Amino acid sequence: MKTRHVFSTPDTATARTVMQAARAAGVAEDDISLVARSDIELEAMPEQHKEAASDFFPAALRGVIGGGATGLLAGLVAVAIPPLGITLAGVAGLTIAGALTGGWASALVGASVPDPVRRKFEGEIEAGRILVVLDGDAELLRRAEPALVRAGATPLPFDEPTALT
């Protein structure tokens, strides 16, 4: 399971240097992202590194899991009640319907909620710092941290499982 670590940098040049140090330490390109205030110029950074401002995808994933589990449970209960006449195909249908409904509803809510990194480090972001967010194996990130600090990053207190792993 991947964990998420956050580092603060004072400007885009330092953020670039920290990203290069992360790559050199073995962090995959897809596991590096940036978070910054909207008026800070990040056009020099590749689009795939710009972190989304909402909790959309993790919320949708949680909704699919929760809705699917609820649909499955409802289907199994319905099978246990013979007058309803629900078959195993009906259970599968209820599971899929629950997953779709849960994912849709949760994604709508998640689109309006800032992601956890933005919520926790709002002060850093408003101060104009650029956050470098790394997802990876805890051991890899632990080994990479000294190189990132030498490159100019300040580790922030954030060590949580990544929602999409």
N, C-alpha and C. Protein backbone atom coordinates (compact mmCIF):
# COMPACT_ATOMS: atom_id res chain seq x y z
N MET A 1 0.83 -1.18 0.00
CA MET A 1 0.00 0.00 0.00
C MET A 1 0.88 1.24 0.00
N LYS A 2 0.50 2.20 -0.79
CA LYS A 2 1.26 3.44 -0.87
C LYS A 2 0.80 4.40 0.24
N THR A 3 1.75 5.22 0.66
CA THR A 3 1.43 6.30 1.59
C THR A 3 1.74 7.62 0.91
N ARG A 4 1.19 8.68 1.46
CA ARG A 4 1.37 10.01 0.89
C ARG A 4 2.19 10.85 1.87
N HIS A 5 3.25 11.47 1.34
CA HIS A 5 4.09 12.38 2.11
C HIS A 5 4.07 13.73 1.41
N VAL A 6 4.14 14.79 2.20
CA VAL A 6 4.06 16.15 1.66
C VAL A 6 5.29 16.93 2.07
N PHE A 7 5.85 17.68 1.12
CA PHE A 7 7.02 18.52 1.36
C PHE A 7 6.71 19.93 0.88
N SER A 8 7.19 20.92 1.61
CA SER A 8 6.97 22.32 1.25
C SER A 8 8.23 22.87 0.59
N THR A 9 8.03 23.67 -0.47
CA THR A 9 9.15 24.34 -1.14
C THR A 9 8.80 25.82 -1.30
N PRO A 10 9.80 26.69 -1.30
CA PRO A 10 9.51 28.12 -1.35
C PRO A 10 9.15 28.67 -2.74
N ASP A 11 9.55 27.97 -3.81
CA ASP A 11 9.30 28.51 -5.16
C ASP A 11 9.31 27.38 -6.19
N THR A 12 8.99 27.73 -7.45
CA THR A 12 8.90 26.70 -8.49
C THR A 12 10.26 26.09 -8.81
N ALA A 13 11.32 26.88 -8.74
CA ALA A 13 12.66 26.34 -9.04
C ALA A 13 13.02 25.25 -8.02
N THR A 14 12.76 25.51 -6.76
CA THR A 14 13.05 24.52 -5.72
C THR A 14 12.14 23.30 -5.89
N ALA A 15 10.88 23.54 -6.23
CA ALA A 15 9.95 22.43 -6.45
C ALA A 15 10.46 21.53 -7.57
N ARG A 16 10.97 22.14 -8.65
CA ARG A 16 11.53 21.36 -9.76
C ARG A 16 12.71 20.52 -9.30
N THR A 17 13.59 21.13 -8.51
CA THR A 17 14.77 20.43 -7.99
C THR A 17 14.35 19.26 -7.10
N VAL A 18 13.35 19.48 -6.26
CA VAL A 18 12.86 18.44 -5.36
C VAL A 18 12.24 17.30 -6.17
N MET A 19 11.50 17.64 -7.22
CA MET A 19 10.91 16.61 -8.08
C MET A 19 12.00 15.76 -8.73
N GLN A 20 13.08 16.40 -9.18
CA GLN A 20 14.19 15.66 -9.78
C GLN A 20 14.85 14.75 -8.75
N ALA A 21 14.99 15.24 -7.52
CA ALA A 21 15.58 14.41 -6.46
C ALA A 21 14.67 13.22 -6.15
N ALA A 22 13.37 13.43 -6.19
CA ALA A 22 12.43 12.33 -5.93
C ALA A 22 12.53 11.27 -7.02
N ARG A 23 12.60 11.72 -8.29
CA ARG A 23 12.75 10.77 -9.39
C ARG A 23 14.05 9.99 -9.24
N ALA A 24 15.14 10.68 -8.89
CA ALA A 24 16.44 10.02 -8.74
C ALA A 24 16.42 9.01 -7.59
N ALA A 25 15.57 9.26 -6.59
CA ALA A 25 15.47 8.34 -5.46
C ALA A 25 14.56 7.16 -5.76
N GLY A 26 13.93 7.15 -6.93
CA GLY A 26 13.12 6.01 -7.33
C GLY A 26 11.62 6.21 -7.26
N VAL A 27 11.16 7.44 -6.98
CA VAL A 27 9.72 7.71 -6.95
C VAL A 27 9.23 7.79 -8.40
N ALA A 28 8.18 7.07 -8.71
CA ALA A 28 7.64 7.04 -10.07
C ALA A 28 7.05 8.40 -10.45
N GLU A 29 7.13 8.71 -11.73
CA GLU A 29 6.63 9.98 -12.26
C GLU A 29 5.16 10.21 -11.90
N ASP A 30 4.35 9.17 -11.98
CA ASP A 30 2.93 9.29 -11.69
C ASP A 30 2.64 9.48 -10.21
N ASP A 31 3.63 9.30 -9.36
CA ASP A 31 3.44 9.42 -7.92
C ASP A 31 3.92 10.76 -7.37
N ILE A 32 4.19 11.71 -8.26
CA ILE A 32 4.63 13.04 -7.86
C ILE A 32 3.58 14.05 -8.31
N SER A 33 3.15 14.91 -7.39
CA SER A 33 2.21 15.95 -7.78
C SER A 33 2.52 17.23 -7.00
N LEU A 34 1.96 18.33 -7.49
CA LEU A 34 2.20 19.64 -6.90
C LEU A 34 0.89 20.27 -6.46
N VAL A 35 0.94 21.02 -5.38
CA VAL A 35 -0.20 21.78 -4.90
C VAL A 35 0.29 23.19 -4.63
N ALA A 36 -0.42 24.19 -5.16
CA ALA A 36 -0.02 25.58 -4.96
C ALA A 36 -1.24 26.48 -5.04
N ARG A 37 -1.06 27.71 -4.62
CA ARG A 37 -2.10 28.71 -4.73
C ARG A 37 -2.38 28.96 -6.20
N SER A 38 -3.62 29.28 -6.54
CA SER A 38 -4.01 29.38 -7.95
C SER A 38 -3.29 30.49 -8.70
N ASP A 39 -2.84 31.53 -8.03
CA ASP A 39 -2.18 32.62 -8.74
C ASP A 39 -0.68 32.39 -8.93
N ILE A 40 -0.14 31.34 -8.38
CA ILE A 40 1.29 31.04 -8.55
C ILE A 40 1.49 30.39 -9.90
N GLU A 41 2.48 30.85 -10.59
CA GLU A 41 2.74 30.40 -11.95
C GLU A 41 3.32 29.00 -11.97
N LEU A 42 2.50 28.03 -12.39
CA LEU A 42 2.98 26.66 -12.50
C LEU A 42 2.96 26.20 -13.95
N GLU A 43 2.91 27.14 -14.89
CA GLU A 43 2.81 26.72 -16.29
C GLU A 43 4.04 25.96 -16.79
N ALA A 44 5.15 26.15 -16.12
CA ALA A 44 6.35 25.42 -16.53
C ALA A 44 6.31 23.96 -16.09
N MET A 45 5.39 23.64 -15.19
CA MET A 45 5.27 22.27 -14.70
C MET A 45 4.34 21.47 -15.60
N PRO A 46 4.64 20.21 -15.83
CA PRO A 46 3.75 19.36 -16.62
C PRO A 46 2.37 19.25 -15.97
N GLU A 47 1.35 19.21 -16.78
CA GLU A 47 -0.04 19.17 -16.30
C GLU A 47 -0.30 17.99 -15.38
N GLN A 48 0.33 16.83 -15.65
CA GLN A 48 0.04 15.65 -14.85
C GLN A 48 0.53 15.79 -13.40
N HIS A 49 1.38 16.78 -13.13
CA HIS A 49 1.88 16.96 -11.77
C HIS A 49 1.04 17.91 -10.94
N LYS A 50 0.12 18.61 -11.57
CA LYS A 50 -0.72 19.55 -10.84
C LYS A 50 -1.83 18.79 -10.15
N GLU A 51 -1.86 18.89 -8.85
CA GLU A 51 -2.84 18.16 -8.03
C GLU A 51 -4.20 18.81 -8.16
N ALA A 52 -5.22 17.98 -8.30
CA ALA A 52 -6.60 18.48 -8.37
C ALA A 52 -6.97 19.12 -7.04
N ALA A 53 -7.88 20.08 -7.11
CA ALA A 53 -8.25 20.84 -5.92
C ALA A 53 -9.37 20.20 -5.12
N SER A 54 -9.88 19.07 -5.56
CA SER A 54 -11.01 18.48 -4.84
C SER A 54 -10.73 17.03 -4.45
N ASP A 55 -11.67 16.48 -3.71
CA ASP A 55 -11.58 15.11 -3.22
C ASP A 55 -12.42 14.19 -4.11
N PHE A 56 -12.59 14.54 -5.39
CA PHE A 56 -13.51 13.86 -6.31
C PHE A 56 -13.22 12.37 -6.44
N PHE A 57 -12.02 12.00 -6.88
CA PHE A 57 -11.72 10.59 -7.15
C PHE A 57 -11.71 9.72 -5.89
N PRO A 58 -11.06 10.15 -4.79
CA PRO A 58 -11.14 9.31 -3.59
C PRO A 58 -12.58 9.17 -3.08
N ALA A 59 -13.36 10.25 -3.16
CA ALA A 59 -14.76 10.16 -2.70
C ALA A 59 -15.55 9.21 -3.58
N ALA A 60 -15.35 9.28 -4.89
CA ALA A 60 -16.06 8.38 -5.80
C ALA A 60 -15.69 6.92 -5.51
N LEU A 61 -14.43 6.65 -5.26
CA LEU A 61 -13.99 5.29 -4.95
C LEU A 61 -14.63 4.79 -3.65
N ARG A 62 -14.65 5.65 -2.63
CA ARG A 62 -15.30 5.26 -1.37
C ARG A 62 -16.78 5.00 -1.60
N GLY A 63 -17.43 5.81 -2.44
CA GLY A 63 -18.85 5.63 -2.73
C GLY A 63 -19.13 4.34 -3.47
N VAL A 64 -18.28 3.99 -4.43
CA VAL A 64 -18.46 2.73 -5.17
C VAL A 64 -18.34 1.54 -4.21
N ILE A 65 -17.36 1.58 -3.34
CA ILE A 65 -17.17 0.49 -2.39
C ILE A 65 -18.34 0.41 -1.42
N GLY A 66 -18.71 1.53 -0.84
CA GLY A 66 -19.81 1.55 0.11
C GLY A 66 -21.15 1.20 -0.53
N GLY A 67 -21.41 1.77 -1.71
CA GLY A 67 -22.66 1.49 -2.40
C GLY A 67 -22.74 0.04 -2.87
N GLY A 68 -21.63 -0.48 -3.35
CA GLY A 68 -21.61 -1.89 -3.77
C GLY A 68 -21.85 -2.83 -2.61
N ALA A 69 -21.22 -2.54 -1.47
CA ALA A 69 -21.43 -3.38 -0.28
C ALA A 69 -22.89 -3.31 0.18
N THR A 70 -23.46 -2.11 0.15
CA THR A 70 -24.86 -1.96 0.55
C THR A 70 -25.79 -2.70 -0.41
N GLY A 71 -25.53 -2.57 -1.71
CA GLY A 71 -26.33 -3.28 -2.70
C GLY A 71 -26.23 -4.79 -2.55
N LEU A 72 -25.02 -5.27 -2.29
CA LEU A 72 -24.82 -6.71 -2.08
C LEU A 72 -25.59 -7.19 -0.85
N LEU A 73 -25.48 -6.45 0.23
CA LEU A 73 -26.20 -6.82 1.45
C LEU A 73 -27.71 -6.81 1.23
N ALA A 74 -28.21 -5.78 0.55
CA ALA A 74 -29.65 -5.72 0.26
C ALA A 74 -30.09 -6.90 -0.61
N GLY A 75 -29.26 -7.24 -1.59
CA GLY A 75 -29.57 -8.37 -2.46
C GLY A 75 -29.61 -9.69 -1.71
N LEU A 76 -28.64 -9.90 -0.82
CA LEU A 76 -28.60 -11.14 -0.05
C LEU A 76 -29.79 -11.24 0.91
N VAL A 77 -30.17 -10.12 1.49
CA VAL A 77 -31.35 -10.11 2.36
C VAL A 77 -32.59 -10.43 1.52
N ALA A 78 -32.67 -9.85 0.33
CA ALA A 78 -33.83 -10.10 -0.54
C ALA A 78 -33.91 -11.56 -0.97
N VAL A 79 -32.77 -12.21 -1.18
CA VAL A 79 -32.77 -13.63 -1.55
C VAL A 79 -33.30 -14.47 -0.40
N ALA A 80 -33.01 -14.05 0.82
CA ALA A 80 -33.44 -14.80 2.00
C ALA A 80 -34.95 -14.71 2.23
N ILE A 81 -35.60 -13.78 1.56
CA ILE A 81 -37.06 -13.63 1.70
C ILE A 81 -37.69 -14.21 0.44
N PRO A 82 -38.15 -15.46 0.48
CA PRO A 82 -38.65 -16.15 -0.72
C PRO A 82 -39.78 -15.43 -1.47
N PRO A 83 -40.73 -14.77 -0.82
CA PRO A 83 -41.80 -14.13 -1.59
C PRO A 83 -41.32 -13.03 -2.54
N LEU A 84 -40.13 -12.47 -2.29
CA LEU A 84 -39.63 -11.43 -3.18
C LEU A 84 -39.15 -12.00 -4.51
N GLY A 85 -38.72 -13.24 -4.51
CA GLY A 85 -38.32 -13.91 -5.74
C GLY A 85 -37.05 -13.37 -6.37
N ILE A 86 -36.13 -12.86 -5.59
CA ILE A 86 -34.86 -12.34 -6.10
C ILE A 86 -33.90 -13.52 -6.32
N THR A 87 -33.27 -13.54 -7.49
CA THR A 87 -32.30 -14.59 -7.81
C THR A 87 -30.88 -14.05 -7.59
N LEU A 88 -29.90 -14.89 -7.83
CA LEU A 88 -28.51 -14.43 -7.71
C LEU A 88 -28.20 -13.35 -8.75
N ALA A 89 -28.84 -13.43 -9.90
CA ALA A 89 -28.67 -12.37 -10.90
C ALA A 89 -29.22 -11.05 -10.36
N GLY A 90 -30.30 -11.14 -9.59
CA GLY A 90 -30.85 -9.94 -8.96
C GLY A 90 -29.90 -9.36 -7.93
N VAL A 91 -29.21 -10.23 -7.21
CA VAL A 91 -28.21 -9.78 -6.23
C VAL A 91 -27.10 -9.02 -6.96
N ALA A 92 -26.64 -9.58 -8.06
CA ALA A 92 -25.59 -8.90 -8.84
C ALA A 92 -26.09 -7.55 -9.34
N GLY A 93 -27.32 -7.51 -9.80
CA GLY A 93 -27.90 -6.25 -10.28
C GLY A 93 -27.99 -5.21 -9.17
N LEU A 94 -28.43 -5.63 -7.98
CA LEU A 94 -28.50 -4.70 -6.85
C LEU A 94 -27.11 -4.22 -6.43
N THR A 95 -26.13 -5.12 -6.49
CA THR A 95 -24.76 -4.74 -6.15
C THR A 95 -24.24 -3.68 -7.12
N ILE A 96 -24.45 -3.90 -8.41
CA ILE A 96 -24.00 -2.93 -9.42
C ILE A 96 -24.74 -1.62 -9.27
N ALA A 97 -26.05 -1.68 -9.07
CA ALA A 97 -26.84 -0.45 -8.90
C ALA A 97 -26.38 0.32 -7.66
N GLY A 98 -26.10 -0.39 -6.58
CA GLY A 98 -25.61 0.26 -5.37
C GLY A 98 -24.26 0.91 -5.58
N ALA A 99 -23.36 0.21 -6.29
CA ALA A 99 -22.04 0.76 -6.56
C ALA A 99 -22.13 2.01 -7.42
N LEU A 100 -22.95 1.97 -8.44
CA LEU A 100 -23.09 3.14 -9.33
C LEU A 100 -23.71 4.31 -8.58
N THR A 101 -24.76 4.04 -7.83
CA THR A 101 -25.41 5.12 -7.08
C THR A 101 -24.48 5.70 -6.02
N GLY A 102 -23.80 4.84 -5.28
CA GLY A 102 -22.86 5.31 -4.26
C GLY A 102 -21.71 6.10 -4.86
N GLY A 103 -21.16 5.63 -5.97
CA GLY A 103 -20.07 6.34 -6.63
C GLY A 103 -20.50 7.70 -7.14
N TRP A 104 -21.67 7.75 -7.75
CA TRP A 104 -22.19 9.01 -8.29
C TRP A 104 -22.43 10.03 -7.18
N ALA A 105 -23.13 9.60 -6.13
CA ALA A 105 -23.46 10.52 -5.04
C ALA A 105 -22.19 10.99 -4.32
N SER A 106 -21.28 10.09 -4.06
CA SER A 106 -20.05 10.47 -3.36
C SER A 106 -19.16 11.36 -4.21
N ALA A 107 -19.12 11.12 -5.51
CA ALA A 107 -18.32 11.97 -6.39
C ALA A 107 -18.86 13.40 -6.40
N LEU A 108 -20.19 13.54 -6.39
CA LEU A 108 -20.77 14.88 -6.34
C LEU A 108 -20.37 15.61 -5.07
N VAL A 109 -20.42 14.92 -3.96
CA VAL A 109 -20.04 15.53 -2.69
C VAL A 109 -18.53 15.80 -2.69
N GLY A 110 -17.74 14.84 -3.14
CA GLY A 110 -16.29 15.00 -3.14
C GLY A 110 -15.80 16.11 -4.03
N ALA A 111 -16.54 16.43 -5.09
CA ALA A 111 -16.13 17.51 -5.99
C ALA A 111 -16.18 18.86 -5.29
N SER A 112 -16.97 18.97 -4.23
CA SER A 112 -17.09 20.25 -3.54
C SER A 112 -16.21 20.34 -2.30
N VAL A 113 -15.54 19.26 -1.95
CA VAL A 113 -14.70 19.23 -0.75
C VAL A 113 -13.23 19.28 -1.17
N PRO A 114 -12.44 20.21 -0.61
CA PRO A 114 -11.02 20.23 -0.95
C PRO A 114 -10.34 18.93 -0.51
N ASP A 115 -9.27 18.56 -1.24
CA ASP A 115 -8.58 17.32 -0.89
C ASP A 115 -7.90 17.49 0.48
N PRO A 116 -7.57 16.38 1.13
CA PRO A 116 -7.01 16.44 2.50
C PRO A 116 -5.72 17.26 2.60
N VAL A 117 -4.86 17.21 1.59
CA VAL A 117 -3.62 17.98 1.65
C VAL A 117 -3.93 19.47 1.66
N ARG A 118 -4.83 19.91 0.80
CA ARG A 118 -5.21 21.33 0.78
C ARG A 118 -5.86 21.75 2.10
N ARG A 119 -6.69 20.90 2.66
CA ARG A 119 -7.34 21.24 3.93
C ARG A 119 -6.31 21.38 5.05
N LYS A 120 -5.39 20.44 5.15
CA LYS A 120 -4.44 20.44 6.26
C LYS A 120 -3.39 21.55 6.14
N PHE A 121 -2.95 21.84 4.92
CA PHE A 121 -1.85 22.80 4.74
C PHE A 121 -2.31 24.08 4.05
N GLU A 122 -3.51 24.51 4.36
CA GLU A 122 -4.07 25.73 3.77
C GLU A 122 -3.17 26.93 4.04
N GLY A 123 -2.60 27.01 5.24
CA GLY A 123 -1.72 28.13 5.59
C GLY A 123 -0.46 28.15 4.74
N GLU A 124 0.14 26.98 4.52
CA GLU A 124 1.34 26.89 3.67
C GLU A 124 1.03 27.35 2.25
N ILE A 125 -0.11 26.89 1.73
CA ILE A 125 -0.49 27.23 0.36
C ILE A 125 -0.76 28.73 0.24
N GLU A 126 -1.51 29.28 1.19
CA GLU A 126 -1.82 30.71 1.15
C GLU A 126 -0.57 31.57 1.32
N ALA A 127 0.44 31.05 1.99
CA ALA A 127 1.70 31.78 2.16
C ALA A 127 2.53 31.79 0.88
N GLY A 128 2.07 31.08 -0.16
CA GLY A 128 2.77 31.09 -1.44
C GLY A 128 3.76 29.97 -1.64
N ARG A 129 3.77 29.02 -0.74
CA ARG A 129 4.68 27.88 -0.91
C ARG A 129 4.07 26.85 -1.85
N ILE A 130 4.93 26.07 -2.46
CA ILE A 130 4.49 25.00 -3.36
C ILE A 130 4.72 23.68 -2.65
N LEU A 131 3.68 22.88 -2.58
CA LEU A 131 3.78 21.58 -1.92
C LEU A 131 4.08 20.51 -2.95
N VAL A 132 5.06 19.69 -2.66
CA VAL A 132 5.38 18.53 -3.49
C VAL A 132 4.82 17.32 -2.75
N VAL A 133 3.87 16.64 -3.39
CA VAL A 133 3.18 15.51 -2.78
C VAL A 133 3.70 14.23 -3.44
N LEU A 134 4.17 13.30 -2.62
CA LEU A 134 4.72 12.05 -3.13
C LEU A 134 3.91 10.88 -2.59
N ASP A 135 3.55 9.97 -3.48
CA ASP A 135 2.88 8.73 -3.11
C ASP A 135 3.86 7.60 -3.38
N GLY A 136 3.98 6.70 -2.42
CA GLY A 136 4.89 5.59 -2.64
C GLY A 136 4.97 4.69 -1.43
N ASP A 137 5.74 3.64 -1.59
CA ASP A 137 6.00 2.71 -0.50
C ASP A 137 6.66 3.48 0.64
N ALA A 138 6.25 3.21 1.87
CA ALA A 138 6.76 3.93 3.03
C ALA A 138 8.28 3.85 3.13
N GLU A 139 8.84 2.70 2.83
CA GLU A 139 10.30 2.52 2.89
C GLU A 139 11.00 3.37 1.83
N LEU A 140 10.47 3.41 0.62
CA LEU A 140 11.04 4.22 -0.45
C LEU A 140 11.02 5.70 -0.07
N LEU A 141 9.90 6.18 0.44
CA LEU A 141 9.80 7.59 0.82
C LEU A 141 10.71 7.92 2.00
N ARG A 142 10.87 6.99 2.91
CA ARG A 142 11.78 7.21 4.04
C ARG A 142 13.22 7.35 3.56
N ARG A 143 13.60 6.48 2.60
CA ARG A 143 14.96 6.55 2.04
C ARG A 143 15.16 7.81 1.21
N ALA A 144 14.10 8.30 0.54
CA ALA A 144 14.21 9.46 -0.35
C ALA A 144 14.24 10.78 0.41
N GLU A 145 13.68 10.81 1.60
CA GLU A 145 13.53 12.07 2.33
C GLU A 145 14.81 12.87 2.52
N PRO A 146 15.95 12.27 2.90
CA PRO A 146 17.17 13.08 3.05
C PRO A 146 17.58 13.80 1.76
N ALA A 147 17.42 13.14 0.62
CA ALA A 147 17.77 13.79 -0.66
C ALA A 147 16.83 14.95 -0.96
N LEU A 148 15.57 14.80 -0.60
CA LEU A 148 14.60 15.86 -0.84
C LEU A 148 14.88 17.06 0.06
N VAL A 149 15.27 16.80 1.29
CA VAL A 149 15.61 17.88 2.21
C VAL A 149 16.85 18.61 1.71
N ARG A 150 17.85 17.88 1.22
CA ARG A 150 19.05 18.51 0.66
C ARG A 150 18.70 19.36 -0.55
N ALA A 151 17.67 18.97 -1.30
CA ALA A 151 17.26 19.72 -2.49
C ALA A 151 16.45 20.96 -2.14
N GLY A 152 16.10 21.14 -0.86
CA GLY A 152 15.40 22.35 -0.44
C GLY A 152 13.99 22.15 0.07
N ALA A 153 13.56 20.91 0.22
CA ALA A 153 12.19 20.65 0.69
C ALA A 153 12.15 20.59 2.22
N THR A 154 11.01 20.99 2.74
CA THR A 154 10.76 20.88 4.17
C THR A 154 9.66 19.84 4.37
N PRO A 155 9.94 18.74 5.08
CA PRO A 155 8.90 17.72 5.29
C PRO A 155 7.78 18.29 6.16
N LEU A 156 6.56 18.00 5.79
CA LEU A 156 5.39 18.42 6.56
C LEU A 156 4.77 17.19 7.21
N PRO A 157 4.08 17.37 8.33
CA PRO A 157 3.51 16.22 9.05
C PRO A 157 2.29 15.64 8.35
N PHE A 158 2.53 14.80 7.37
CA PHE A 158 1.44 14.15 6.64
C PHE A 158 1.94 12.79 6.17
N ASP A 159 1.39 11.75 6.73
CA ASP A 159 1.80 10.39 6.39
C ASP A 159 0.54 9.53 6.43
N GLU A 160 -0.20 9.54 5.33
CA GLU A 160 -1.46 8.83 5.29
C GLU A 160 -1.50 7.90 4.09
N PRO A 161 -2.30 6.85 4.17
CA PRO A 161 -2.45 5.96 3.02
C PRO A 161 -3.05 6.72 1.83
N THR A 162 -2.61 6.38 0.64
CA THR A 162 -3.15 6.97 -0.56
C THR A 162 -4.48 6.32 -0.86
N ALA A 163 -5.50 7.11 -1.15
CA ALA A 163 -6.87 6.60 -1.33
C ALA A 163 -7.00 5.70 -2.54
N LEU A 164 -6.22 5.90 -3.56
CA LEU A 164 -6.42 5.17 -4.81
C LEU A 164 -5.45 4.02 -5.01
N THR A 165 -4.88 3.47 -3.93
CA THR A 165 -4.00 2.32 -4.08
C THR A 165 -4.60 1.11 -3.46
